[in-house]
Amino acid sequence: MKLLKKTSAKDSKYSVLDSGRVLSNVKLAARGLLNNSDKKNAGERIVAGKSNSRLIILRHRESVQNAKNICTGQLGGTLSKKGLRDAKKVGRRLSSYYIDVAYSSDLKRAIDTAKEIIKFHPGLKLKKDARIRERYFGKLQGKPFPKDLDWKNLPKCVESDKRIDLRASKFIKYLEPA
């Protein structure tokens, strides 16, 4: 999920919230969008872009599948009770932000997280975009994560880092001002 936010009604600075792993700190760091203190911050991150924009990245909250160590990948997933509580907490925490537009992947767990946050912003519509989906895990999806999964040598059925970079880059380009 991404939320584009104006820092004030008179200000031209924006922030974005995202709950897709596809825009991970590694991918953003590779594009020069994170500074060193952002790289150390594992949760929500604020990133200054070239156009005085802020990018806040927020991963979807815990899903039932996460809690059971199930590889969800591009399957929808369902927020757990804890995930739902956490999403509501994030929503309350961000309730004072002025938000112009909200983006989410089209996967259920990301949409449900985004919806809990935008409840605090009446009239704000959620825009779904498949480019910010989680990694595709092929035949591993819906099954427990293998204990011996080598993240540096993933099976051929798993979406490559290069494909994820391409997908995420297209979305970032879409967000950039003309």
Protein backbone atom coordinates (compact mmCIF):
# COMPACT_ATOMS: atom_id res chain seq x y z
CA MET A 1 0.00 0.00 0.00
CA LYS A 2 1.20 3.49 -0.77
CA LEU A 3 -0.27 6.73 0.45
CA LEU A 4 0.82 9.96 -1.20
CA LYS A 5 0.63 12.68 1.44
CA LYS A 6 0.97 16.45 1.39
CA THR A 7 2.80 17.55 4.53
CA SER A 8 0.49 20.58 4.74
CA ALA A 9 -2.20 22.17 2.58
CA LYS A 10 0.26 24.93 1.49
CA ASP A 11 3.28 22.65 1.10
CA SER A 12 4.33 20.88 -2.08
CA LYS A 13 6.13 18.02 -0.29
CA TYR A 14 4.58 14.56 -0.52
CA SER A 15 4.95 11.26 1.28
CA VAL A 16 4.12 7.76 0.11
CA LEU A 17 3.19 4.74 2.22
CA ASP A 18 3.70 1.30 0.79
CA SER A 19 2.95 -2.19 2.00
CA GLY A 20 4.48 -4.13 -0.86
CA ARG A 21 7.82 -5.83 -0.24
CA VAL A 22 8.59 -5.17 -3.88
CA LEU A 23 9.69 -1.65 -2.92
CA SER A 24 12.06 -2.91 -0.26
CA ASN A 25 14.85 -0.82 1.24
CA VAL A 26 17.32 -2.80 -0.87
CA LYS A 27 15.57 -1.85 -4.11
CA LEU A 28 15.21 1.78 -3.04
CA ALA A 29 18.81 1.96 -1.88
CA ALA A 30 19.89 0.67 -5.29
CA ARG A 31 18.08 3.62 -6.83
CA GLY A 32 19.78 6.08 -4.45
CA LEU A 33 16.52 6.94 -2.70
CA LEU A 34 17.53 5.96 0.83
CA ASN A 35 20.14 7.57 3.03
CA ASN A 36 22.16 5.51 5.51
CA SER A 37 19.87 6.10 8.49
CA ASP A 38 16.88 4.91 6.40
CA LYS A 39 18.67 1.67 5.50
CA LYS A 40 18.98 0.80 9.19
CA ASN A 41 15.27 1.39 9.85
CA ALA A 42 13.54 -1.97 9.25
CA GLY A 43 9.91 -0.85 9.63
CA GLU A 44 8.36 2.31 8.24
CA ARG A 45 10.83 4.55 6.44
CA ILE A 46 10.75 8.15 5.31
CA VAL A 47 12.70 8.80 2.15
CA ALA A 48 13.49 12.13 0.57
CA GLY A 49 13.26 12.05 -3.23
CA LYS A 50 14.68 14.49 -5.76
CA SER A 51 11.53 16.63 -5.94
CA ASN A 52 11.39 17.37 -2.20
CA SER A 53 9.05 14.42 -1.87
CA ARG A 54 8.88 11.99 1.01
CA LEU A 55 8.38 8.32 0.51
CA ILE A 56 7.06 6.36 3.47
CA ILE A 57 7.06 2.63 2.86
CA LEU A 58 4.80 0.44 4.92
CA ARG A 59 4.58 -3.32 4.51
CA HIS A 60 1.20 -4.98 4.92
CA ARG A 61 0.57 -6.03 8.47
CA GLU A 62 0.80 -9.66 9.63
CA SER A 63 -1.32 -12.13 7.69
CA VAL A 64 -2.66 -15.48 8.88
CA GLN A 65 -0.23 -17.05 6.40
CA ASN A 66 2.74 -15.06 7.79
CA ALA A 67 1.94 -16.31 11.28
CA LYS A 68 1.97 -19.91 9.98
CA ASN A 69 5.16 -19.39 7.90
CA ILE A 70 3.22 -20.02 4.68
CA CYS A 71 4.69 -18.60 1.46
CA THR A 72 1.93 -16.31 0.22
CA GLY A 73 3.73 -14.53 -2.62
CA GLN A 74 1.10 -13.24 -5.02
CA LEU A 75 -1.81 -15.05 -3.37
CA GLY A 76 -4.25 -12.72 -1.61
CA GLY A 77 -3.65 -13.56 2.03
CA THR A 78 -5.79 -12.55 5.00
CA LEU A 79 -4.77 -10.24 7.82
CA SER A 80 -4.54 -11.97 11.19
CA LYS A 81 -6.26 -10.43 14.24
CA LYS A 82 -2.87 -9.03 15.23
CA GLY A 83 -2.36 -7.69 11.70
CA LEU A 84 -5.73 -5.97 11.76
CA ARG A 85 -5.00 -4.42 15.18
CA ASP A 86 -1.60 -3.23 13.93
CA ALA A 87 -3.11 -1.72 10.76
CA LYS A 88 -5.61 0.21 12.90
CA LYS A 89 -2.74 1.45 15.11
CA VAL A 90 -0.84 2.67 12.04
CA GLY A 91 -4.01 4.35 10.81
CA ARG A 92 -4.42 6.21 14.10
CA ARG A 93 -0.75 7.15 14.09
CA LEU A 94 -1.07 8.63 10.60
CA SER A 95 -4.45 10.26 11.18
CA SER A 96 -2.95 13.75 11.44
CA TYR A 97 -1.35 13.48 8.00
CA TYR A 98 -2.99 15.23 5.07
CA ILE A 99 -3.16 12.51 2.39
CA ASP A 100 -4.00 13.20 -1.26
CA VAL A 101 -3.92 9.73 -2.80
CA ALA A 102 -3.46 6.14 -1.59
CA TYR A 103 -1.86 3.27 -3.52
CA SER A 104 -1.80 -0.43 -2.69
CA SER A 105 -0.92 -3.61 -4.48
CA ASP A 106 -3.99 -5.49 -5.66
CA LEU A 107 -3.41 -8.27 -3.11
CA LYS A 108 -5.99 -8.65 -0.34
CA ARG A 109 -3.61 -8.35 2.65
CA ALA A 110 -2.18 -5.09 1.29
CA ILE A 111 -5.63 -3.71 0.43
CA ASP A 112 -6.97 -4.60 3.88
CA THR A 113 -4.00 -2.87 5.53
CA ALA A 114 -4.50 0.23 3.37
CA LYS A 115 -8.23 0.34 4.07
CA GLU A 116 -7.63 0.39 7.82
CA ILE A 117 -5.28 3.35 7.39
CA ILE A 118 -7.47 5.37 5.02
CA LYS A 119 -10.48 4.99 7.32
CA PHE A 120 -8.92 7.94 9.11
CA HIS A 121 -9.05 9.97 5.88
CA PRO A 122 -12.71 10.30 4.81
CA GLY A 123 -13.22 10.55 1.06
CA LEU A 124 -9.77 9.17 0.20
CA LYS A 125 -9.99 6.49 -2.50
CA LEU A 126 -7.59 3.55 -2.70
CA LYS A 127 -5.83 2.95 -6.01
CA LYS A 128 -4.66 -0.63 -6.61
CA ASP A 129 -1.64 -1.40 -8.75
CA ALA A 130 -0.25 -4.87 -9.58
CA ARG A 131 3.25 -3.44 -10.15
CA ILE A 132 3.77 -3.23 -6.39
CA ARG A 133 2.81 -6.81 -5.65
CA GLU A 134 4.90 -9.16 -3.56
CA ARG A 135 7.40 -11.44 -5.30
CA TYR A 136 5.86 -14.30 -7.30
CA PHE A 137 6.94 -17.61 -5.70
CA GLY A 138 5.48 -20.03 -8.26
CA LYS A 139 4.95 -23.56 -6.94
CA LEU A 140 6.08 -22.49 -3.44
CA GLN A 141 3.01 -20.26 -2.99
CA GLY A 142 0.47 -21.55 -0.49
CA LYS A 143 3.00 -23.97 1.05
CA PRO A 144 5.24 -23.66 4.10
CA PHE A 145 8.51 -21.84 3.38
CA PRO A 146 11.24 -24.44 2.89
CA LYS A 147 13.60 -24.36 5.89
CA ASP A 148 16.59 -24.59 3.58
CA LEU A 149 15.49 -21.87 1.10
CA ASP A 150 18.61 -20.16 -0.26
CA TRP A 151 17.57 -16.55 -0.93
CA LYS A 152 20.68 -16.03 -3.07
CA ASN A 153 19.85 -19.02 -5.31
CA LEU A 154 16.07 -19.12 -5.58
CA PRO A 155 14.31 -21.84 -7.59
CA LYS A 156 13.57 -21.00 -11.24
CA CYS A 157 9.82 -20.82 -10.50
CA VAL A 158 10.42 -17.76 -8.29
CA GLU A 159 10.31 -14.24 -9.76
CA SER A 160 13.84 -12.89 -10.17
CA ASP A 161 15.20 -9.76 -8.53
CA LYS A 162 15.63 -8.32 -12.03
CA ARG A 163 11.89 -8.74 -12.79
CA ILE A 164 10.97 -7.22 -9.45
CA ASP A 165 13.32 -4.28 -10.13
CA LEU A 166 11.68 -3.74 -13.52
CA ARG A 167 8.18 -3.86 -12.06
CA ALA A 168 9.03 -1.56 -9.14
CA SER A 169 10.94 0.85 -11.39
CA LYS A 170 7.91 1.27 -13.63
CA PHE A 171 5.77 2.13 -10.63
CA ILE A 172 8.36 4.57 -9.20
CA LYS A 173 8.62 6.21 -12.62
CA TYR A 174 4.82 6.52 -12.66
CA LEU A 175 4.94 8.35 -9.31
CA GLU A 176 7.67 10.78 -10.38
CA PRO A 177 6.50 14.28 -11.28
CA ALA A 178 6.60 15.06 -15.01
